[in-house]
Amino acid sequence: MAGELDGKKVAVLATDGVEQVELDRPWQALEEAGAEPELVSFEPGTIQAFEHIDKGDTRKVDLTLGDADPDDYAALVLPGGVINGDFVRADADAVAFVKAFFDAGKPVAAICHAPWVLAEADVLKGRRMTSWPSLQTDLRNAGADWVDEELVVDGTLITSRKPDDLDAFCAAIVEEFAAADTADDDEEDDA
C-alpha cells in the first residue's frame, strides 16, 4: 500500500463518541499509503473516542469545520460510533461539508453508524450500500439499496458495517481513493 496516496489530503470527520478502532485503523491505512489525514471536528482541542460503550483515548483535532474546506481534500472518511454518527448528522455544517464531497464527485468512505450522516445529506437515492444493521430502515427510507455485506463500493461511495469489516474497508479506502486520484489526474492531463 505504500505510496499509493502520496501527499493526498484526506478529511476524517468525527466528534466525541467516535468508535476508536474505526477512526484509528483507517487513519493508519491512509498514512501507510502516503496520505495526509486530517481530523476535522466541531471544536478545536481533542475529541473523546470510545471502545463500544467505554471511554477510549482522545484524539487531537487538526481543523474545525469552520476552517476546513472540502476543496482542499481528495476524499472523506466518516468513522462510526453511535454518539459520533448522531452528533455529526445533527450538525448542519457537518452535513453540508459531507454533501460537498458528493457534489464534487470525490470519494467518501463511511462505516457503522456514519451512514446516518449520508442520509441527512440526502445523497443516498439509488445507491447500494451497507451499515450497522440498525440503520437499514433509515437508509432505505433515504433511498438506498441497503445490503448486509462486509463491504460495498458504489461509485465513489465505500461502506462497511462494523469493526470486524475493517480489513476490507481499509483496503478499499486505499484502492478506491487511489483510483479516483488517477481518474482526476487523467482528466487534468486531457485538459
Protein backbone atom coordinates (compact mmCIF):
# COMPACT_ATOMS: atom_id res chain seq x y z
CA MET A 1 0.00 0.00 0.00
CA ALA A 2 2.96 2.37 0.49
CA GLY A 3 2.93 5.40 -1.76
CA GLU A 4 -0.42 4.91 -3.45
CA LEU A 5 -1.81 8.11 -1.93
CA ASP A 6 1.42 10.13 -1.58
CA GLY A 7 0.70 13.64 -0.39
CA LYS A 8 -3.08 13.43 -0.79
CA LYS A 9 -5.02 15.13 1.98
CA VAL A 10 -7.97 13.18 3.34
CA ALA A 11 -10.52 14.65 5.73
CA VAL A 12 -11.66 12.44 8.60
CA LEU A 13 -14.81 13.96 10.09
CA ALA A 14 -15.58 12.92 13.68
CA THR A 15 -16.52 14.18 17.12
CA ASP A 16 -16.90 12.88 20.66
CA GLY A 17 -18.22 9.34 20.72
CA VAL A 18 -16.36 8.15 17.64
CA GLU A 19 -15.61 4.42 17.66
CA GLN A 20 -11.86 4.45 18.29
CA VAL A 21 -10.90 1.49 16.12
CA GLU A 22 -12.99 2.88 13.23
CA LEU A 23 -11.00 6.11 13.46
CA ASP A 24 -7.56 4.63 14.13
CA ARG A 25 -7.43 1.77 11.61
CA PRO A 26 -8.46 3.81 8.53
CA TRP A 27 -6.14 6.61 9.68
CA GLN A 28 -3.24 4.13 9.85
CA ALA A 29 -4.09 2.69 6.42
CA LEU A 30 -4.15 6.20 4.93
CA GLU A 31 -0.80 7.12 6.48
CA GLU A 32 0.79 3.84 5.35
CA ALA A 33 -0.38 4.61 1.79
CA GLY A 34 1.23 8.06 1.96
CA ALA A 35 -1.90 10.14 2.52
CA GLU A 36 -2.12 13.04 4.96
CA PRO A 37 -5.27 12.50 7.03
CA GLU A 38 -6.64 15.47 8.98
CA LEU A 39 -9.14 15.18 11.82
CA VAL A 40 -11.93 17.67 11.25
CA SER A 41 -14.39 18.31 14.09
CA PHE A 42 -16.73 20.90 15.59
CA GLU A 43 -14.35 22.47 18.10
CA PRO A 44 -10.58 22.79 18.47
CA GLY A 45 -8.77 20.65 21.02
CA THR A 46 -9.47 16.95 21.32
CA ILE A 47 -12.34 14.53 20.82
CA GLN A 48 -13.17 11.60 23.08
CA ALA A 49 -13.09 8.23 21.32
CA PHE A 50 -14.96 5.20 22.63
CA GLU A 51 -14.38 1.48 22.59
CA HIS A 52 -18.01 0.47 22.19
CA ILE A 53 -19.61 1.96 25.35
CA ASP A 54 -16.41 2.60 27.30
CA LYS A 55 -14.28 5.72 27.00
CA GLY A 56 -11.16 5.20 24.96
CA ASP A 57 -8.39 7.62 24.08
CA THR A 58 -8.63 11.22 22.99
CA ARG A 59 -7.55 12.40 19.55
CA LYS A 60 -6.26 15.86 18.60
CA VAL A 61 -8.42 17.87 16.21
CA ASP A 62 -6.47 19.25 13.24
CA LEU A 63 -9.11 21.65 11.91
CA THR A 64 -12.57 22.79 12.86
CA LEU A 65 -15.40 22.56 10.37
CA GLY A 66 -15.34 26.35 10.10
CA ASP A 67 -11.72 26.24 8.92
CA ALA A 68 -11.93 23.12 6.74
CA ASP A 69 -12.64 23.45 3.02
CA PRO A 70 -13.78 20.31 1.15
CA ASP A 71 -11.90 21.61 -1.91
CA ASP A 72 -8.62 21.06 -0.02
CA TYR A 73 -9.20 17.29 0.27
CA ALA A 74 -9.05 14.39 -2.15
CA ALA A 75 -11.51 12.28 -0.15
CA LEU A 76 -13.50 11.94 3.08
CA VAL A 77 -13.65 9.23 5.75
CA LEU A 78 -16.57 9.02 8.18
CA PRO A 79 -15.79 6.72 11.11
CA GLY A 80 -18.66 5.25 13.11
CA GLY A 81 -19.84 5.22 16.66
CA VAL A 82 -23.46 5.73 17.70
CA ILE A 83 -22.83 9.01 19.51
CA ASN A 84 -20.50 10.31 16.80
CA GLY A 85 -22.90 9.46 13.99
CA ASP A 86 -25.83 11.10 15.75
CA PHE A 87 -23.93 14.28 16.67
CA VAL A 88 -22.47 14.68 13.17
CA ARG A 89 -25.79 14.20 11.38
CA ALA A 90 -27.43 16.78 13.65
CA ASP A 91 -24.93 19.49 12.69
CA ALA A 92 -25.90 21.45 9.55
CA ASP A 93 -22.31 22.50 8.83
CA ALA A 94 -21.10 18.90 9.06
CA VAL A 95 -23.87 17.71 6.73
CA ALA A 96 -23.01 20.47 4.23
CA PHE A 97 -19.32 19.51 4.45
CA VAL A 98 -20.16 15.88 3.63
CA LYS A 99 -22.53 16.82 0.81
CA ALA A 100 -19.81 18.95 -0.80
CA PHE A 101 -17.70 15.82 -1.37
CA PHE A 102 -20.58 14.15 -3.20
CA ASP A 103 -21.29 17.29 -5.22
CA ALA A 104 -17.62 17.36 -6.30
CA GLY A 105 -17.61 13.64 -7.15
CA LYS A 106 -14.95 12.88 -4.54
CA PRO A 107 -14.79 9.51 -2.79
CA VAL A 108 -16.44 9.11 0.60
CA ALA A 109 -15.98 6.14 2.95
CA ALA A 110 -18.40 5.52 5.84
CA ILE A 111 -18.56 2.69 8.35
CA CYS A 112 -21.01 1.51 11.02
CA HIS A 113 -23.25 4.40 12.18
CA ALA A 114 -21.60 7.05 9.97
CA PRO A 115 -24.05 6.50 7.08
CA TRP A 116 -26.67 8.34 9.17
CA VAL A 117 -24.84 11.48 8.04
CA LEU A 118 -25.24 10.43 4.39
CA ALA A 119 -28.99 10.05 4.85
CA GLU A 120 -29.14 13.54 6.35
CA ALA A 121 -27.09 14.91 3.42
CA ASP A 122 -29.66 13.40 1.01
CA VAL A 123 -27.02 11.63 -1.12
CA LEU A 124 -28.28 8.03 -0.99
CA LYS A 125 -31.03 7.79 -3.61
CA GLY A 126 -30.32 4.79 -5.81
CA ARG A 127 -27.03 3.91 -4.10
CA ARG A 128 -26.17 0.38 -2.99
CA MET A 129 -24.61 0.38 0.48
CA THR A 130 -24.27 -1.20 3.89
CA SER A 131 -24.00 -0.02 7.51
CA TRP A 132 -24.58 -1.19 11.05
CA PRO A 133 -27.80 -3.25 10.67
CA SER A 134 -29.95 -1.00 12.88
CA LEU A 135 -29.61 1.83 10.32
CA GLN A 136 -31.04 -0.14 7.41
CA THR A 137 -34.58 1.27 7.68
CA ASP A 138 -33.28 4.86 7.87
CA LEU A 139 -31.04 4.30 4.86
CA ARG A 140 -33.73 2.57 2.81
CA ASN A 141 -36.10 5.42 3.64
CA ALA A 142 -33.41 7.79 2.32
CA GLY A 143 -33.46 5.89 -1.00
CA ALA A 144 -30.56 3.48 -0.57
CA ASP A 145 -30.45 -0.16 -1.62
CA TRP A 146 -29.22 -1.47 1.75
CA VAL A 147 -27.47 -4.86 1.87
CA ASP A 148 -25.88 -6.84 4.70
CA GLU A 149 -22.36 -7.25 3.30
CA GLU A 150 -18.85 -6.69 4.66
CA LEU A 151 -18.01 -4.06 2.05
CA VAL A 152 -19.96 -2.25 -0.65
CA VAL A 153 -18.40 0.04 -3.22
CA ASP A 154 -20.91 2.01 -5.29
CA GLY A 155 -19.13 4.51 -7.48
CA THR A 156 -17.38 6.93 -5.12
CA LEU A 157 -19.15 5.60 -2.01
CA ILE A 158 -17.44 2.97 0.16
CA THR A 159 -19.36 1.48 3.10
CA SER A 160 -18.87 -1.25 5.70
CA ARG A 161 -20.89 -2.50 8.67
CA LYS A 162 -18.68 -2.78 11.74
CA PRO A 163 -15.18 -3.10 13.21
CA ASP A 164 -14.94 -6.73 12.04
CA ASP A 165 -15.08 -5.38 8.46
CA LEU A 166 -12.12 -3.00 8.88
CA ASP A 167 -9.60 -5.07 6.90
CA ALA A 168 -11.80 -4.93 3.80
CA PHE A 169 -12.85 -1.32 4.49
CA CYS A 170 -9.27 -0.04 4.86
CA ALA A 171 -8.06 -1.88 1.76
CA ALA A 172 -10.96 -0.44 -0.25
CA ILE A 173 -10.28 3.09 1.00
CA VAL A 174 -6.72 2.98 -0.29
CA GLU A 175 -7.67 1.28 -3.56
CA GLU A 176 -10.67 3.48 -4.35
CA PHE A 177 -9.03 6.74 -3.23
CA ALA A 178 -6.01 5.91 -5.42
CA ALA A 179 -8.26 5.02 -8.38
CA ALA A 180 -10.22 8.26 -8.00
CA ASP A 181 -6.96 10.18 -7.80
CA THR A 182 -5.76 8.52 -11.01
CA ALA A 183 -9.03 9.42 -12.74
CA ASP A 184 -8.62 13.04 -11.60
CA ASP A 185 -5.04 13.10 -12.92
CA ASP A 186 -6.18 11.69 -16.27
CA GLU A 187 -8.86 14.39 -16.56
CA GLU A 188 -6.28 17.09 -15.79
CA ASP A 189 -3.91 15.64 -18.43
CA ASP A 190 -6.72 15.79 -21.02
CA ALA A 191 -7.42 19.47 -20.29
